[in-house]
Amino acid sequence: MKARSITECPLCGNSNHCAPAQAGSFDVDCWCMHTPVSREALARLPDAERGKACICPACAAGADVVELKASEGLGDDKE
């Protein structure tokens, strides 16, 4: 199993657009500080990811994970 990158959304696998993760510093501002995050999206995070992983803007807005994977070509292929 491949380890997930800190710039990858744990819900859909797309980029989470986390500026601090990309910069390697919390000295930069991130989109999530100015955008509401869906309670349903946070509830879908596994316990081990809560407070540790950044979700993407689409998941934060409450987008359906299955639709996101299909639109990005991220099916259930086994690697």
N, C-alpha and C. Protein backbone atom coordinates (compact mmCIF):
# COMPACT_ATOMS: atom_id res chain seq x y z
N MET A 1 0.84 -1.19 0.00
CA MET A 1 0.00 0.00 0.00
C MET A 1 0.88 1.25 0.00
N LYS A 2 0.59 2.17 -0.90
CA LYS A 2 1.36 3.39 -1.03
C LYS A 2 0.97 4.39 0.06
N ALA A 3 1.97 5.03 0.66
CA ALA A 3 1.70 6.06 1.67
C ALA A 3 1.12 7.29 0.99
N ARG A 4 0.17 7.92 1.66
CA ARG A 4 -0.47 9.12 1.12
C ARG A 4 0.42 10.33 1.35
N SER A 5 0.51 11.18 0.35
CA SER A 5 1.26 12.43 0.43
C SER A 5 0.50 13.43 1.31
N ILE A 6 1.22 14.33 1.96
CA ILE A 6 0.57 15.36 2.79
C ILE A 6 -0.19 16.37 1.94
N THR A 7 0.02 16.35 0.61
CA THR A 7 -0.69 17.25 -0.28
C THR A 7 -1.88 16.57 -0.96
N GLU A 8 -2.23 15.35 -0.48
CA GLU A 8 -3.31 14.56 -1.06
C GLU A 8 -4.49 14.51 -0.11
N CYS A 9 -5.68 14.72 -0.64
CA CYS A 9 -6.90 14.63 0.17
C CYS A 9 -7.15 13.17 0.55
N PRO A 10 -7.34 12.89 1.84
CA PRO A 10 -7.56 11.51 2.28
C PRO A 10 -8.94 10.97 1.88
N LEU A 11 -9.84 11.84 1.45
CA LEU A 11 -11.17 11.38 1.07
C LEU A 11 -11.28 11.02 -0.40
N CYS A 12 -10.64 11.80 -1.28
CA CYS A 12 -10.79 11.55 -2.72
C CYS A 12 -9.48 11.26 -3.43
N GLY A 13 -8.36 11.58 -2.80
CA GLY A 13 -7.06 11.32 -3.42
C GLY A 13 -6.55 12.45 -4.30
N ASN A 14 -7.36 13.48 -4.52
CA ASN A 14 -6.91 14.62 -5.32
C ASN A 14 -6.05 15.55 -4.46
N SER A 15 -5.45 16.55 -5.09
CA SER A 15 -4.65 17.53 -4.35
C SER A 15 -5.54 18.25 -3.34
N ASN A 16 -5.03 18.44 -2.14
CA ASN A 16 -5.80 19.17 -1.13
C ASN A 16 -5.56 20.67 -1.19
N HIS A 17 -4.66 21.10 -2.05
CA HIS A 17 -4.35 22.53 -2.22
C HIS A 17 -3.93 23.18 -0.91
N CYS A 18 -3.29 22.42 -0.05
CA CYS A 18 -2.85 22.93 1.25
C CYS A 18 -1.56 23.73 1.07
N ALA A 19 -1.65 25.04 1.20
CA ALA A 19 -0.48 25.90 1.01
C ALA A 19 0.61 25.62 2.05
N PRO A 20 0.27 25.44 3.34
CA PRO A 20 1.33 25.13 4.31
C PRO A 20 2.04 23.80 4.00
N ALA A 21 1.29 22.79 3.56
CA ALA A 21 1.92 21.51 3.22
C ALA A 21 2.85 21.67 2.02
N GLN A 22 2.41 22.45 1.03
CA GLN A 22 3.23 22.67 -0.16
C GLN A 22 4.47 23.50 0.17
N ALA A 23 4.31 24.47 1.08
CA ALA A 23 5.42 25.35 1.43
C ALA A 23 6.32 24.73 2.51
N GLY A 24 5.78 23.76 3.24
CA GLY A 24 6.54 23.19 4.34
C GLY A 24 6.61 24.11 5.53
N SER A 25 5.63 25.01 5.64
CA SER A 25 5.63 25.98 6.73
C SER A 25 4.22 26.48 7.00
N PHE A 26 3.91 26.69 8.27
CA PHE A 26 2.61 27.26 8.63
C PHE A 26 2.63 28.79 8.56
N ASP A 27 3.69 29.36 8.01
CA ASP A 27 3.79 30.81 7.87
C ASP A 27 3.01 31.32 6.66
N VAL A 28 2.43 30.41 5.87
CA VAL A 28 1.63 30.81 4.71
C VAL A 28 0.16 30.56 5.00
N ASP A 29 -0.69 31.36 4.38
CA ASP A 29 -2.13 31.26 4.57
C ASP A 29 -2.69 30.13 3.70
N CYS A 30 -3.76 29.50 4.14
CA CYS A 30 -4.37 28.40 3.38
C CYS A 30 -5.84 28.71 3.10
N TRP A 31 -6.35 28.13 2.02
CA TRP A 31 -7.74 28.34 1.62
C TRP A 31 -8.71 27.96 2.73
N CYS A 32 -8.36 26.94 3.52
CA CYS A 32 -9.30 26.42 4.53
C CYS A 32 -9.54 27.39 5.68
N MET A 33 -8.69 28.38 5.81
CA MET A 33 -8.87 29.36 6.88
C MET A 33 -9.96 30.38 6.54
N HIS A 34 -10.41 30.38 5.28
CA HIS A 34 -11.38 31.37 4.83
C HIS A 34 -12.61 30.74 4.18
N THR A 35 -12.72 29.42 4.26
CA THR A 35 -13.80 28.70 3.58
C THR A 35 -14.48 27.76 4.57
N PRO A 36 -15.82 27.76 4.58
CA PRO A 36 -16.51 26.81 5.46
C PRO A 36 -16.21 25.37 5.03
N VAL A 37 -16.08 24.49 6.00
CA VAL A 37 -15.82 23.07 5.74
C VAL A 37 -17.04 22.29 6.21
N SER A 38 -17.57 21.47 5.33
CA SER A 38 -18.76 20.67 5.61
C SER A 38 -18.54 19.74 6.80
N ARG A 39 -19.49 19.74 7.74
CA ARG A 39 -19.40 18.83 8.88
C ARG A 39 -19.45 17.38 8.40
N GLU A 40 -20.20 17.13 7.32
CA GLU A 40 -20.30 15.78 6.77
C GLU A 40 -18.95 15.32 6.25
N ALA A 41 -18.20 16.23 5.62
CA ALA A 41 -16.86 15.88 5.11
C ALA A 41 -15.94 15.53 6.27
N LEU A 42 -15.97 16.32 7.30
CA LEU A 42 -15.12 16.04 8.47
C LEU A 42 -15.52 14.71 9.12
N ALA A 43 -16.80 14.40 9.12
CA ALA A 43 -17.27 13.16 9.71
C ALA A 43 -16.81 11.94 8.91
N ARG A 44 -16.54 12.12 7.60
CA ARG A 44 -16.08 11.00 6.77
C ARG A 44 -14.61 10.69 6.98
N LEU A 45 -13.87 11.59 7.62
CA LEU A 45 -12.45 11.34 7.87
C LEU A 45 -12.27 10.20 8.85
N PRO A 46 -11.38 9.27 8.55
CA PRO A 46 -11.09 8.21 9.53
C PRO A 46 -10.51 8.84 10.79
N ASP A 47 -10.74 8.22 11.93
CA ASP A 47 -10.25 8.75 13.21
C ASP A 47 -8.75 9.05 13.17
N ALA A 48 -7.98 8.20 12.52
CA ALA A 48 -6.52 8.37 12.46
C ALA A 48 -6.11 9.60 11.66
N GLU A 49 -7.01 10.13 10.80
CA GLU A 49 -6.69 11.28 9.96
C GLU A 49 -7.17 12.61 10.57
N ARG A 50 -8.04 12.54 11.55
CA ARG A 50 -8.61 13.78 12.11
C ARG A 50 -7.55 14.62 12.80
N GLY A 51 -7.51 15.88 12.42
CA GLY A 51 -6.54 16.80 12.98
C GLY A 51 -5.14 16.63 12.41
N LYS A 52 -4.99 15.72 11.42
CA LYS A 52 -3.67 15.45 10.87
C LYS A 52 -3.63 15.58 9.35
N ALA A 53 -4.76 15.42 8.68
CA ALA A 53 -4.80 15.44 7.22
C ALA A 53 -5.68 16.57 6.72
N CYS A 54 -5.30 17.14 5.61
CA CYS A 54 -6.06 18.24 4.99
C CYS A 54 -6.90 17.69 3.84
N ILE A 55 -8.18 18.03 3.83
CA ILE A 55 -9.04 17.61 2.73
C ILE A 55 -9.04 18.69 1.66
N CYS A 56 -9.50 18.35 0.46
CA CYS A 56 -9.49 19.29 -0.66
C CYS A 56 -10.72 20.20 -0.59
N PRO A 57 -10.70 21.31 -1.34
CA PRO A 57 -11.85 22.23 -1.34
C PRO A 57 -13.15 21.56 -1.78
N ALA A 58 -13.10 20.66 -2.76
CA ALA A 58 -14.32 20.01 -3.23
C ALA A 58 -14.93 19.14 -2.14
N CYS A 59 -14.11 18.35 -1.47
CA CYS A 59 -14.62 17.51 -0.37
C CYS A 59 -15.09 18.38 0.79
N ALA A 60 -14.37 19.45 1.06
CA ALA A 60 -14.75 20.36 2.15
C ALA A 60 -16.12 20.98 1.90
N ALA A 61 -16.44 21.18 0.62
CA ALA A 61 -17.73 21.76 0.26
C ALA A 61 -18.85 20.73 0.31
N GLY A 62 -18.48 19.45 0.49
CA GLY A 62 -19.48 18.41 0.59
C GLY A 62 -19.69 17.64 -0.69
N ALA A 63 -18.76 17.74 -1.65
CA ALA A 63 -18.88 17.00 -2.90
C ALA A 63 -18.84 15.51 -2.61
N ASP A 64 -19.54 14.75 -3.44
CA ASP A 64 -19.58 13.30 -3.28
C ASP A 64 -18.26 12.69 -3.71
N VAL A 65 -17.63 11.91 -2.84
CA VAL A 65 -16.33 11.31 -3.11
C VAL A 65 -16.38 10.42 -4.34
N VAL A 66 -17.45 9.66 -4.52
CA VAL A 66 -17.56 8.77 -5.67
C VAL A 66 -17.55 9.58 -6.96
N GLU A 67 -18.28 10.69 -6.99
CA GLU A 67 -18.30 11.55 -8.18
C GLU A 67 -16.92 12.14 -8.44
N LEU A 68 -16.21 12.55 -7.40
CA LEU A 68 -14.88 13.12 -7.56
C LEU A 68 -13.92 12.09 -8.16
N LYS A 69 -13.94 10.88 -7.66
CA LYS A 69 -13.05 9.84 -8.18
C LYS A 69 -13.36 9.56 -9.64
N ALA A 70 -14.62 9.49 -9.99
CA ALA A 70 -15.01 9.22 -11.36
C ALA A 70 -14.57 10.35 -12.28
N SER A 71 -14.73 11.59 -11.85
CA SER A 71 -14.37 12.73 -12.70
C SER A 71 -12.87 12.86 -12.88
N GLU A 72 -12.10 12.33 -11.95
CA GLU A 72 -10.64 12.40 -12.03
C GLU A 72 -10.03 11.11 -12.56
N GLY A 73 -10.88 10.14 -12.90
CA GLY A 73 -10.37 8.87 -13.40
C GLY A 73 -9.71 8.04 -12.32
N LEU A 74 -10.15 8.19 -11.08
CA LEU A 74 -9.55 7.49 -9.95
C LEU A 74 -10.45 6.35 -9.51
N GLY A 75 -10.64 5.38 -10.37
CA GLY A 75 -11.50 4.26 -10.05
C GLY A 75 -10.92 3.38 -8.97
N ASP A 76 -11.48 2.22 -8.83
CA ASP A 76 -11.06 1.29 -7.79
C ASP A 76 -10.00 0.32 -8.28
N ASP A 77 -9.03 0.80 -9.08
CA ASP A 77 -7.99 -0.09 -9.55
C ASP A 77 -7.09 -0.50 -8.39
N LYS A 78 -6.69 -1.73 -8.40
CA LYS A 78 -5.88 -2.28 -7.30
C LYS A 78 -4.41 -2.19 -7.65
N GLU A 79 -3.67 -1.37 -6.90
CA GLU A 79 -2.23 -1.21 -7.11
C GLU A 79 -1.48 -1.81 -5.98
